[in-house]
PDB file of all heavy atoms in Angstrom:
ATOM      1  N   ASP A   1    -140.027 -89.498 -29.267  1.00  0.00           N
ATOM      2  CA  ASP A   1    -141.391 -89.730 -28.791  1.00  0.00           C
ATOM      3  C   ASP A   1    -141.463 -89.927 -27.275  1.00  0.00           C
ATOM      4  O   ASP A   1    -142.539 -90.158 -26.721  1.00  0.00           O
ATOM      5  CB  ASP A   1    -142.015 -90.938 -29.501  1.00  0.00           C
ATOM      6  CG  ASP A   1    -141.435 -92.269 -29.034  1.00  0.00           C
ATOM      7  OD1 ASP A   1    -140.252 -92.285 -28.635  1.00  0.00           O
ATOM      8  OD2 ASP A   1    -142.158 -93.275 -29.067  1.00  0.00           O
ATOM      9  N   VAL A   2    -140.327 -89.841 -26.602  1.00  0.00           N
ATOM     10  CA  VAL A   2    -140.300 -89.991 -25.150  1.00  0.00           C
ATOM     11  C   VAL A   2    -140.365 -88.597 -24.516  1.00  0.00           C
ATOM     12  O   VAL A   2    -139.643 -87.687 -24.909  1.00  0.00           O
ATOM     13  CB  VAL A   2    -139.010 -90.708 -24.689  1.00  0.00           C
ATOM     14  CG1 VAL A   2    -138.966 -90.791 -23.167  1.00  0.00           C
ATOM     15  CG2 VAL A   2    -138.946 -92.096 -25.303  1.00  0.00           C
ATOM     16  N   THR A   3    -141.263 -88.455 -23.535  1.00  0.00           N
ATOM     17  CA  THR A   3    -141.367 -87.174 -22.842  1.00  0.00           C
ATOM     18  C   THR A   3    -140.020 -86.823 -22.239  1.00  0.00           C
ATOM     19  O   THR A   3    -139.482 -87.543 -21.403  1.00  0.00           O
ATOM     20  CB  THR A   3    -142.428 -87.238 -21.732  1.00  0.00           C
ATOM     21  OG1 THR A   3    -143.674 -87.598 -22.324  1.00  0.00           O
ATOM     22  CG2 THR A   3    -142.562 -85.898 -21.046  1.00  0.00           C
ATOM     23  N   SER A   4    -139.464 -85.701 -22.664  1.00  0.00           N
ATOM     24  CA  SER A   4    -138.114 -85.348 -22.254  1.00  0.00           C
ATOM     25  C   SER A   4    -138.114 -84.540 -20.966  1.00  0.00           C
ATOM     26  O   SER A   4    -139.103 -83.921 -20.589  1.00  0.00           O
ATOM     27  CB  SER A   4    -137.427 -84.552 -23.362  1.00  0.00           C
ATOM     28  OG  SER A   4    -136.104 -84.246 -23.002  1.00  0.00           O
ATOM     29  N   THR A   5    -136.990 -84.583 -20.309  1.00  0.00           N
ATOM     30  CA  THR A   5    -136.763 -83.725 -19.157  1.00  0.00           C
ATOM     31  C   THR A   5    -136.244 -82.388 -19.664  1.00  0.00           C
ATOM     32  O   THR A   5    -135.999 -82.207 -20.853  1.00  0.00           O
ATOM     33  CB  THR A   5    -135.726 -84.362 -18.230  1.00  0.00           C
ATOM     34  OG1 THR A   5    -134.519 -84.547 -18.973  1.00  0.00           O
ATOM     35  CG2 THR A   5    -136.203 -85.709 -17.729  1.00  0.00           C
ATOM     36  N   ARG A   6    -136.062 -81.440 -18.778  1.00  0.00           N
ATOM     37  CA  ARG A   6    -135.547 -80.144 -19.215  1.00  0.00           C
ATOM     38  C   ARG A   6    -134.111 -80.298 -19.725  1.00  0.00           C
ATOM     39  O   ARG A   6    -133.368 -81.182 -19.288  1.00  0.00           O
ATOM     40  CB  ARG A   6    -135.592 -79.146 -18.064  1.00  0.00           C
ATOM     41  CG  ARG A   6    -134.726 -79.500 -16.875  1.00  0.00           C
ATOM     42  CD  ARG A   6    -134.910 -78.491 -15.745  1.00  0.00           C
ATOM     43  NE  ARG A   6    -134.241 -78.914 -14.520  1.00  0.00           N
ATOM     44  CZ  ARG A   6    -132.975 -78.605 -14.229  1.00  0.00           C
ATOM     45  NH1 ARG A   6    -132.265 -77.893 -15.066  1.00  0.00           N
ATOM     46  NH2 ARG A   6    -132.439 -79.020 -13.096  1.00  0.00           N
ATOM     47  N   ALA A   7    -133.746 -79.423 -20.639  1.00  0.00           N
ATOM     48  CA  ALA A   7    -132.396 -79.446 -21.193  1.00  0.00           C
ATOM     49  C   ALA A   7    -131.423 -78.833 -20.187  1.00  0.00           C
ATOM     50  O   ALA A   7    -131.602 -77.701 -19.750  1.00  0.00           O
ATOM     51  CB  ALA A   7    -132.356 -78.670 -22.496  1.00  0.00           C
ATOM     52  N   THR A   8    -130.418 -79.607 -19.824  1.00  0.00           N
ATOM     53  CA  THR A   8    -129.430 -79.120 -18.872  1.00  0.00           C
ATOM     54  C   THR A   8    -128.210 -80.020 -18.925  1.00  0.00           C
ATOM     55  O   THR A   8    -128.143 -80.972 -19.706  1.00  0.00           O
ATOM     56  CB  THR A   8    -130.012 -79.084 -17.438  1.00  0.00           C
ATOM     57  OG1 THR A   8    -129.075 -78.435 -16.567  1.00  0.00           O
ATOM     58  CG2 THR A   8    -130.290 -80.490 -16.930  1.00  0.00           C
ATOM     59  N   TYR A   9    -127.229 -79.749 -18.092  1.00  0.00           N
ATOM     60  CA  TYR A   9    -126.037 -80.587 -18.014  1.00  0.00           C
ATOM     61  C   TYR A   9    -126.423 -81.936 -17.406  1.00  0.00           C
ATOM     62  O   TYR A   9    -127.033 -82.006 -16.343  1.00  0.00           O
ATOM     63  CB  TYR A   9    -124.964 -79.906 -17.164  1.00  0.00           C
ATOM     64  CG  TYR A   9    -124.410 -78.663 -17.802  1.00  0.00           C
ATOM     65  CD1 TYR A   9    -124.952 -77.407 -17.516  1.00  0.00           C
ATOM     66  CD2 TYR A   9    -123.373 -78.739 -18.720  1.00  0.00           C
ATOM     67  CE1 TYR A   9    -124.457 -76.255 -18.127  1.00  0.00           C
ATOM     68  CE2 TYR A   9    -122.871 -77.595 -19.327  1.00  0.00           C
ATOM     69  CZ  TYR A   9    -123.418 -76.363 -19.026  1.00  0.00           C
ATOM     70  OH  TYR A   9    -122.924 -75.234 -19.639  1.00  0.00           O
ATOM     71  N   GLY A  10    -126.070 -82.991 -18.107  1.00  0.00           N
ATOM     72  CA  GLY A  10    -126.398 -84.328 -17.633  1.00  0.00           C
ATOM     73  C   GLY A  10    -125.766 -85.376 -18.519  1.00  0.00           C
ATOM     74  O   GLY A  10    -124.998 -85.070 -19.445  1.00  0.00           O
ATOM     75  N   PHE A  11    -126.097 -86.623 -18.255  1.00  0.00           N
ATOM     76  CA  PHE A  11    -125.571 -87.715 -19.078  1.00  0.00           C
ATOM     77  C   PHE A  11    -126.548 -88.885 -19.053  1.00  0.00           C
ATOM     78  O   PHE A  11    -127.462 -88.942 -18.210  1.00  0.00           O
ATOM     79  CB  PHE A  11    -124.176 -88.151 -18.624  1.00  0.00           C
ATOM     80  CG  PHE A  11    -124.113 -88.719 -17.235  1.00  0.00           C
ATOM     81  CD1 PHE A  11    -124.185 -90.089 -17.008  1.00  0.00           C
ATOM     82  CD2 PHE A  11    -123.954 -87.877 -16.132  1.00  0.00           C
ATOM     83  CE1 PHE A  11    -124.103 -90.604 -15.729  1.00  0.00           C
ATOM     84  CE2 PHE A  11    -123.875 -88.391 -14.852  1.00  0.00           C
ATOM     85  CZ  PHE A  11    -123.952 -89.762 -14.648  1.00  0.00           C
ATOM     86  N   THR A  12    -126.357 -89.801 -19.985  1.00  0.00           N
ATOM     87  CA  THR A  12    -127.249 -90.941 -20.163  1.00  0.00           C
ATOM     88  C   THR A  12    -126.428 -92.223 -20.214  1.00  0.00           C
ATOM     89  O   THR A  12    -125.415 -92.280 -20.919  1.00  0.00           O
ATOM     90  CB  THR A  12    -128.043 -90.799 -21.485  1.00  0.00           C
ATOM     91  OG1 THR A  12    -128.677 -89.522 -21.521  1.00  0.00           O
ATOM     92  CG2 THR A  12    -129.084 -91.898 -21.611  1.00  0.00           C
ATOM     93  N   LEU A  13    -126.847 -93.228 -19.483  1.00  0.00           N
ATOM     94  CA  LEU A  13    -126.277 -94.573 -19.583  1.00  0.00           C
ATOM     95  C   LEU A  13    -127.326 -95.470 -20.233  1.00  0.00           C
ATOM     96  O   LEU A  13    -128.405 -95.690 -19.668  1.00  0.00           O
ATOM     97  CB  LEU A  13    -125.886 -95.118 -18.212  1.00  0.00           C
ATOM     98  CG  LEU A  13    -124.855 -94.314 -17.417  1.00  0.00           C
ATOM     99  CD1 LEU A  13    -124.472 -95.060 -16.142  1.00  0.00           C
ATOM    100  CD2 LEU A  13    -123.613 -94.009 -18.250  1.00  0.00           C
ATOM    101  N   ASN A  14    -127.021 -95.952 -21.423  1.00  0.00           N
ATOM    102  CA  ASN A  14    -127.944 -96.824 -22.157  1.00  0.00           C
ATOM    103  C   ASN A  14    -127.475 -98.267 -22.061  1.00  0.00           C
ATOM    104  O   ASN A  14    -126.306 -98.570 -22.341  1.00  0.00           O
ATOM    105  CB  ASN A  14    -128.012 -96.419 -23.625  1.00  0.00           C
ATOM    106  CG  ASN A  14    -128.937 -95.249 -23.859  1.00  0.00           C
ATOM    107  OD1 ASN A  14    -129.974 -95.141 -23.210  1.00  0.00           O
ATOM    108  ND2 ASN A  14    -128.582 -94.364 -24.778  1.00  0.00           N
ATOM    109  N   SER A  15    -128.389 -99.158 -21.684  1.00  0.00           N
ATOM    110  CA  SER A  15    -128.090-100.588 -21.599  1.00  0.00           C
ATOM    111  C   SER A  15    -128.717-101.300 -22.786  1.00  0.00           C
ATOM    112  O   SER A  15    -129.931-101.233 -22.996  1.00  0.00           O
ATOM    113  CB  SER A  15    -128.631-101.175 -20.293  1.00  0.00           C
ATOM    114  OG  SER A  15    -127.967-100.618 -19.190  1.00  0.00           O
ATOM    115  N   CYS A  16    -127.882-101.977 -23.550  1.00  0.00           N
ATOM    116  CA  CYS A  16    -128.299-102.658 -24.775  1.00  0.00           C
ATOM    117  C   CYS A  16    -128.214-104.171 -24.591  1.00  0.00           C
ATOM    118  O   CYS A  16    -127.167-104.698 -24.195  1.00  0.00           O
ATOM    119  CB  CYS A  16    -127.401-102.215 -25.926  1.00  0.00           C
ATOM    120  SG  CYS A  16    -127.475-103.244 -27.397  1.00  0.00           S
ATOM    121  N   VAL A  17    -129.309-104.877 -24.875  1.00  0.00           N
ATOM    122  CA  VAL A  17    -129.317-106.343 -24.870  1.00  0.00           C
ATOM    123  C   VAL A  17    -128.651-106.807 -26.160  1.00  0.00           C
ATOM    124  O   VAL A  17    -129.156-106.560 -27.256  1.00  0.00           O
ATOM    125  CB  VAL A  17    -130.747-106.895 -24.767  1.00  0.00           C
ATOM    126  CG1 VAL A  17    -130.747-108.413 -24.841  1.00  0.00           C
ATOM    127  CG2 VAL A  17    -131.405-106.425 -23.467  1.00  0.00           C
ATOM    128  N   MET A  18    -127.512-107.498 -26.037  1.00  0.00           N
ATOM    129  CA  MET A  18    -126.698-107.781 -27.225  1.00  0.00           C
ATOM    130  C   MET A  18    -127.187-108.963 -28.050  1.00  0.00           C
ATOM    131  O   MET A  18    -126.964-109.014 -29.262  1.00  0.00           O
ATOM    132  CB  MET A  18    -125.248-108.016 -26.808  1.00  0.00           C
ATOM    133  CG  MET A  18    -124.553-106.784 -26.293  1.00  0.00           C
ATOM    134  SD  MET A  18    -122.771-106.974 -26.234  1.00  0.00           S
ATOM    135  CE  MET A  18    -122.598-108.264 -24.993  1.00  0.00           C
ATOM    136  N   ARG A  19    -127.817-109.928 -27.402  1.00  0.00           N
ATOM    137  CA  ARG A  19    -128.291-111.109 -28.134  1.00  0.00           C
ATOM    138  C   ARG A  19    -129.789-111.272 -27.887  1.00  0.00           C
ATOM    139  O   ARG A  19    -130.225-112.218 -27.226  1.00  0.00           O
ATOM    140  CB  ARG A  19    -127.512-112.342 -27.703  1.00  0.00           C
ATOM    141  CG  ARG A  19    -126.041-112.318 -28.123  1.00  0.00           C
ATOM    142  CD  ARG A  19    -125.177-113.254 -27.288  1.00  0.00           C
ATOM    143  NE  ARG A  19    -125.563-114.638 -27.363  1.00  0.00           N
ATOM    144  CZ  ARG A  19    -125.089-115.519 -28.242  1.00  0.00           C
ATOM    145  NH1 ARG A  19    -124.193-115.123 -29.132  1.00  0.00           N
ATOM    146  NH2 ARG A  19    -125.475-116.771 -28.230  1.00  0.00           N
ATOM    147  N   PRO A  20    -130.598-110.338 -28.400  1.00  0.00           N
ATOM    148  CA  PRO A  20    -132.036-110.379 -28.108  1.00  0.00           C
ATOM    149  C   PRO A  20    -132.692-111.654 -28.623  1.00  0.00           C
ATOM    150  O   PRO A  20    -132.330-112.162 -29.693  1.00  0.00           O
ATOM    151  CB  PRO A  20    -132.573-109.137 -28.830  1.00  0.00           C
ATOM    152  CG  PRO A  20    -131.577-108.872 -29.910  1.00  0.00           C
ATOM    153  CD  PRO A  20    -130.248-109.266 -29.334  1.00  0.00           C
ATOM    154  N   LYS A  21    -133.654-112.144 -27.852  1.00  0.00           N
ATOM    155  CA  LYS A  21    -134.399-113.337 -28.260  1.00  0.00           C
ATOM    156  C   LYS A  21    -135.681-112.987 -29.007  1.00  0.00           C
ATOM    157  O   LYS A  21    -136.283-113.853 -29.645  1.00  0.00           O
ATOM    158  CB  LYS A  21    -134.720-114.182 -27.031  1.00  0.00           C
ATOM    159  CG  LYS A  21    -133.479-114.782 -26.368  1.00  0.00           C
ATOM    160  CD  LYS A  21    -133.840-115.645 -25.169  1.00  0.00           C
ATOM    161  CE  LYS A  21    -132.591-116.247 -24.534  1.00  0.00           C
ATOM    162  NZ  LYS A  21    -132.908-117.063 -23.334  1.00  0.00           N
ATOM    163  N   SER A  22    -136.112-111.734 -28.903  1.00  0.00           N
ATOM    164  CA  SER A  22    -137.291-111.299 -29.652  1.00  0.00           C
ATOM    165  C   SER A  22    -136.983-111.322 -31.143  1.00  0.00           C
ATOM    166  O   SER A  22    -135.874-111.000 -31.562  1.00  0.00           O
ATOM    167  CB  SER A  22    -137.697-109.890 -29.236  1.00  0.00           C
ATOM    168  OG  SER A  22    -138.003-109.822 -27.858  1.00  0.00           O
ATOM    169  N   ARG A  23    -137.976-111.690 -31.917  1.00  0.00           N
ATOM    170  CA  ARG A  23    -137.835-111.709 -33.375  1.00  0.00           C
ATOM    171  C   ARG A  23    -138.977-110.917 -34.002  1.00  0.00           C
ATOM    172  O   ARG A  23    -140.130-111.017 -33.585  1.00  0.00           O
ATOM    173  CB  ARG A  23    -137.857-113.147 -33.916  1.00  0.00           C
ATOM    174  CG  ARG A  23    -136.666-113.997 -33.463  1.00  0.00           C
ATOM    175  CD  ARG A  23    -135.379-113.505 -34.088  1.00  0.00           C
ATOM    176  NE  ARG A  23    -134.235-114.328 -33.741  1.00  0.00           N
ATOM    177  CZ  ARG A  23    -133.426-114.111 -32.705  1.00  0.00           C
ATOM    178  NH1 ARG A  23    -133.661-113.068 -31.905  1.00  0.00           N
ATOM    179  NH2 ARG A  23    -132.403-114.892 -32.464  1.00  0.00           N
ATOM    180  N   GLY A  24    -138.631-110.139 -35.004  1.00  0.00           N
ATOM    181  CA  GLY A  24    -139.623-109.350 -35.705  1.00  0.00           C
ATOM    182  C   GLY A  24    -139.667-109.709 -37.171  1.00  0.00           C
ATOM    183  O   GLY A  24    -139.175-110.754 -37.594  1.00  0.00           O
ATOM    184  N   ARG A  25    -140.226-108.812 -37.954  1.00  0.00           N
ATOM    185  CA  ARG A  25    -140.317-109.072 -39.397  1.00  0.00           C
ATOM    186  C   ARG A  25    -140.488-107.763 -40.161  1.00  0.00           C
ATOM    187  O   ARG A  25    -140.804-106.716 -39.582  1.00  0.00           O
ATOM    188  CB  ARG A  25    -141.471-110.018 -39.719  1.00  0.00           C
ATOM    189  CG  ARG A  25    -142.844-109.504 -39.341  1.00  0.00           C
ATOM    190  CD  ARG A  25    -143.900-110.591 -39.526  1.00  0.00           C
ATOM    191  NE  ARG A  25    -145.210-110.151 -39.081  1.00  0.00           N
ATOM    192  CZ  ARG A  25    -146.111-109.565 -39.863  1.00  0.00           C
ATOM    193  NH1 ARG A  25    -145.822-109.326 -41.146  1.00  0.00           N
ATOM    194  NH2 ARG A  25    -147.272-109.188 -39.394  1.00  0.00           N
ATOM    195  N   VAL A  26    -140.278-107.863 -41.456  1.00  0.00           N
ATOM    196  CA  VAL A  26    -140.466-106.747 -42.380  1.00  0.00           C
ATOM    197  C   VAL A  26    -141.427-107.217 -43.454  1.00  0.00           C
ATOM    198  O   VAL A  26    -141.250-108.294 -44.025  1.00  0.00           O
ATOM    199  CB  VAL A  26    -139.126-106.320 -43.019  1.00  0.00           C
ATOM    200  CG1 VAL A  26    -139.351-105.216 -44.037  1.00  0.00           C
ATOM    201  CG2 VAL A  26    -138.134-105.873 -41.961  1.00  0.00           C
ATOM    202  N   SER A  27    -142.458-106.430 -43.729  1.00  0.00           N
ATOM    203  CA  SER A  27    -143.392-106.779 -44.792  1.00  0.00           C
ATOM    204  C   SER A  27    -143.641-105.560 -45.667  1.00  0.00           C
ATOM    205  O   SER A  27    -143.317-104.434 -45.304  1.00  0.00           O
ATOM    206  CB  SER A  27    -144.707-107.314 -44.212  1.00  0.00           C
ATOM    207  OG  SER A  27    -145.371-106.299 -43.467  1.00  0.00           O
ATOM    208  N   LEU A  28    -144.242-105.804 -46.815  1.00  0.00           N
ATOM    209  CA  LEU A  28    -144.532-104.712 -47.738  1.00  0.00           C
ATOM    210  C   LEU A  28    -145.800-103.983 -47.321  1.00  0.00           C
ATOM    211  O   LEU A  28    -146.804-104.607 -46.962  1.00  0.00           O
ATOM    212  CB  LEU A  28    -144.696-105.241 -49.162  1.00  0.00           C
ATOM    213  CG  LEU A  28    -143.445-105.806 -49.837  1.00  0.00           C
ATOM    214  CD1 LEU A  28    -143.796-106.305 -51.237  1.00  0.00           C
ATOM    215  CD2 LEU A  28    -142.336-104.767 -49.914  1.00  0.00           C
ATOM    216  N   GLN A  29    -145.741-102.666 -47.409  1.00  0.00           N
ATOM    217  CA  GLN A  29    -146.922-101.854 -47.164  1.00  0.00           C
ATOM    218  C   GLN A  29    -147.809-101.858 -48.415  1.00  0.00           C
ATOM    219  O   GLN A  29    -149.019-102.074 -48.335  1.00  0.00           O
ATOM    220  CB  GLN A  29    -146.469-100.439 -46.820  1.00  0.00           C
ATOM    221  CG  GLN A  29    -147.562 -99.533 -46.346  1.00  0.00           C
ATOM    222  CD  GLN A  29    -147.009 -98.194 -45.853  1.00  0.00           C
ATOM    223  OE1 GLN A  29    -147.775 -97.310 -45.543  1.00  0.00           O
ATOM    224  NE2 GLN A  29    -145.698 -98.042 -45.786  1.00  0.00           N
ATOM    225  N   THR A  30    -147.174-101.641 -49.564  1.00  0.00           N
ATOM    226  CA  THR A  30    -147.840-101.696 -50.860  1.00  0.00           C
ATOM    227  C   THR A  30    -146.817-102.210 -51.870  1.00  0.00           C
ATOM    228  O   THR A  30    -145.657-102.460 -51.537  1.00  0.00           O
ATOM    229  CB  THR A  30    -148.321-100.300 -51.324  1.00  0.00           C
ATOM    230  OG1 THR A  30    -147.186 -99.511 -51.695  1.00  0.00           O
ATOM    231  CG2 THR A  30    -149.093 -99.576 -50.218  1.00  0.00           C
ATOM    232  N   ALA A  31    -147.245-102.342 -53.097  1.00  0.00           N
ATOM    233  CA  ALA A  31    -146.326-102.735 -54.170  1.00  0.00           C
ATOM    234  C   ALA A  31    -145.597-101.531 -54.752  1.00  0.00           C
ATOM    235  O   ALA A  31    -144.834-101.675 -55.715  1.00  0.00           O
ATOM    236  CB  ALA A  31    -147.089-103.468 -55.270  1.00  0.00           C
ATOM    237  N   ASP A  32    -145.809-100.359 -54.187  1.00  0.00           N
ATOM    238  CA  ASP A  32    -145.126 -99.145 -54.625  1.00  0.00           C
ATOM    239  C   ASP A  32    -143.692 -99.158 -54.115  1.00  0.00           C
ATOM    240  O   ASP A  32    -143.456 -99.152 -52.909  1.00  0.00           O
ATOM    241  CB  ASP A  32    -145.864 -97.919 -54.079  1.00  0.00           C
ATOM    242  CG  ASP A  32    -145.221 -96.596 -54.489  1.00  0.00           C
ATOM    243  OD1 ASP A  32    -144.194 -96.632 -55.203  1.00  0.00           O
ATOM    244  OD2 ASP A  32    -145.729 -95.541 -54.084  1.00  0.00           O
ATOM    245  N   PRO A  33    -142.697 -99.169 -54.992  1.00  0.00           N
ATOM    246  CA  PRO A  33    -141.302 -99.229 -54.540  1.00  0.00           C
ATOM    247  C   PRO A  33    -140.852 -97.998 -53.760  1.00  0.00           C
ATOM    248  O   PRO A  33    -139.830 -98.030 -53.079  1.00  0.00           O
ATOM    249  CB  PRO A  33    -140.506 -99.376 -55.831  1.00  0.00           C
ATOM    250  CG  PRO A  33    -141.407 -98.862 -56.906  1.00  0.00           C
ATOM    251  CD  PRO A  33    -142.802 -99.172 -56.464  1.00  0.00           C
ATOM    252  N   ASN A  34    -141.619 -96.909 -53.847  1.00  0.00           N
ATOM    253  CA  ASN A  34    -141.252 -95.698 -53.119  1.00  0.00           C
ATOM    254  C   ASN A  34    -141.789 -95.683 -51.691  1.00  0.00           C
ATOM    255  O   ASN A  34    -141.448 -94.790 -50.915  1.00  0.00           O
ATOM    256  CB  ASN A  34    -141.771 -94.458 -53.875  1.00  0.00           C
ATOM    257  CG  ASN A  34    -141.088 -94.285 -55.212  1.00  0.00           C
ATOM    258  OD1 ASN A  34    -139.873 -94.189 -55.297  1.00  0.00           O
ATOM    259  ND2 ASN A  34    -141.874 -94.269 -56.292  1.00  0.00           N
ATOM    260  N   ALA A  35    -142.614 -96.649 -51.339  1.00  0.00           N
ATOM    261  CA  ALA A  35    -143.155 -96.730 -49.985  1.00  0.00           C
ATOM    262  C   ALA A  35    -142.186 -97.470 -49.080  1.00  0.00           C
ATOM    263  O   ALA A  35    -141.541 -98.444 -49.502  1.00  0.00           O
ATOM    264  CB  ALA A  35    -144.505 -97.434 -49.997  1.00  0.00           C
ATOM    265  N   THR A  36    -142.053 -97.011 -47.846  1.00  0.00           N
ATOM    266  CA  THR A  36    -141.224 -97.751 -46.887  1.00  0.00           C
ATOM    267  C   THR A  36    -141.957 -99.019 -46.464  1.00  0.00           C
ATOM    268  O   THR A  36    -143.191 -99.065 -46.478  1.00  0.00           O
ATOM    269  CB  THR A  36    -140.919 -96.893 -45.647  1.00  0.00           C
ATOM    270  OG1 THR A  36    -142.151 -96.466 -45.062  1.00  0.00           O
ATOM    271  CG2 THR A  36    -140.072 -95.686 -45.999  1.00  0.00           C
ATOM    272  N   PRO A  37    -141.245-100.050 -46.083  1.00  0.00           N
ATOM    273  CA  PRO A  37    -141.908-101.274 -45.627  1.00  0.00           C
ATOM    274  C   PRO A  37    -142.514-101.087 -44.240  1.00  0.00           C
ATOM    275  O   PRO A  37    -142.248-100.107 -43.549  1.00  0.00           O
ATOM    276  CB  PRO A  37    -140.762-102.292 -45.605  1.00  0.00           C
ATOM    277  CG  PRO A  37    -139.537-101.458 -45.374  1.00  0.00           C
ATOM    278  CD  PRO A  37    -139.782-100.160 -46.081  1.00  0.00           C
ATOM    279  N   ILE A  38    -143.329-102.042 -43.843  1.00  0.00           N
ATOM    280  CA  ILE A  38    -143.854-102.074 -42.485  1.00  0.00           C
ATOM    281  C   ILE A  38    -142.874-102.899 -41.654  1.00  0.00           C
ATOM    282  O   ILE A  38    -142.506-104.014 -42.025  1.00  0.00           O
ATOM    283  CB  ILE A  38    -145.247-102.713 -42.429  1.00  0.00           C
ATOM    284  CG1 ILE A  38    -146.211-101.997 -43.380  1.00  0.00           C
ATOM    285  CG2 ILE A  38    -145.801-102.670 -41.009  1.00  0.00           C
ATOM    286  CD1 ILE A  38    -147.555-102.686 -43.508  1.00  0.00           C
ATOM    287  N   VAL A  39    -142.451-102.353 -40.527  1.00  0.00           N
ATOM    288  CA  VAL A  39    -141.448-103.017 -39.695  1.00  0.00           C
ATOM    289  C   VAL A  39    -142.061-103.382 -38.348  1.00  0.00           C
ATOM    290  O   VAL A  39    -142.735-102.567 -37.718  1.00  0.00           O
ATOM    291  CB  VAL A  39    -140.219-102.103 -39.488  1.00  0.00           C
ATOM    292  CG1 VAL A  39    -139.138-102.840 -38.692  1.00  0.00           C
ATOM    293  CG2 VAL A  39    -139.664-101.632 -40.820  1.00  0.00           C
ATOM    294  N   TYR A  40    -141.831-104.611 -37.933  1.00  0.00           N
ATOM    295  CA  TYR A  40    -142.270-105.103 -36.629  1.00  0.00           C
ATOM    296  C   TYR A  40    -141.027-105.518 -35.840  1.00  0.00           C
ATOM    297  O   TYR A  40    -140.655-106.696 -35.833  1.00  0.00           O
ATOM    298  CB  TYR A  40    -143.201-106.309 -36.784  1.00  0.00           C
ATOM    299  CG  TYR A  40    -144.450-106.056 -37.598  1.00  0.00           C
ATOM    300  CD1 TYR A  40    -144.419-106.097 -38.995  1.00  0.00           C
ATOM    301  CD2 TYR A  40    -145.669-105.778 -36.980  1.00  0.00           C
ATOM    302  CE1 TYR A  40    -145.560-105.873 -39.752  1.00  0.00           C
ATOM    303  CE2 TYR A  40    -146.822-105.553 -37.730  1.00  0.00           C
ATOM    304  CZ  TYR A  40    -146.758-105.607 -39.108  1.00  0.00           C
ATOM    305  OH  TYR A  40    -147.893-105.379 -39.853  1.00  0.00           O
ATOM    306  N   PRO A  41    -140.349-104.586 -35.168  1.00  0.00           N
ATOM    307  CA  PRO A  41    -139.125-104.964 -34.453  1.00  0.00           C
ATOM    308  C   PRO A  41    -139.384-105.807 -33.209  1.00  0.00           C
ATOM    309  O   PRO A  41    -138.509-106.554 -32.779  1.00  0.00           O
ATOM    310  CB  PRO A  41    -138.502-103.619 -34.083  1.00  0.00           C
ATOM    311  CG  PRO A  41    -139.641-102.658 -34.072  1.00  0.00           C
ATOM    312  CD  PRO A  41    -140.602-103.137 -35.120  1.00  0.00           C
TER     313      PRO A  41
END
């Protein structure tokens, strides 16, 4: 979903926060077991 640059030779350095303080949750979308849950990361 991120607007990409043109495809070419390059590389990416990703920085990951290892001990995040943000907290999210998972809830049910419906009682249908085939439905994915709603996720709030």
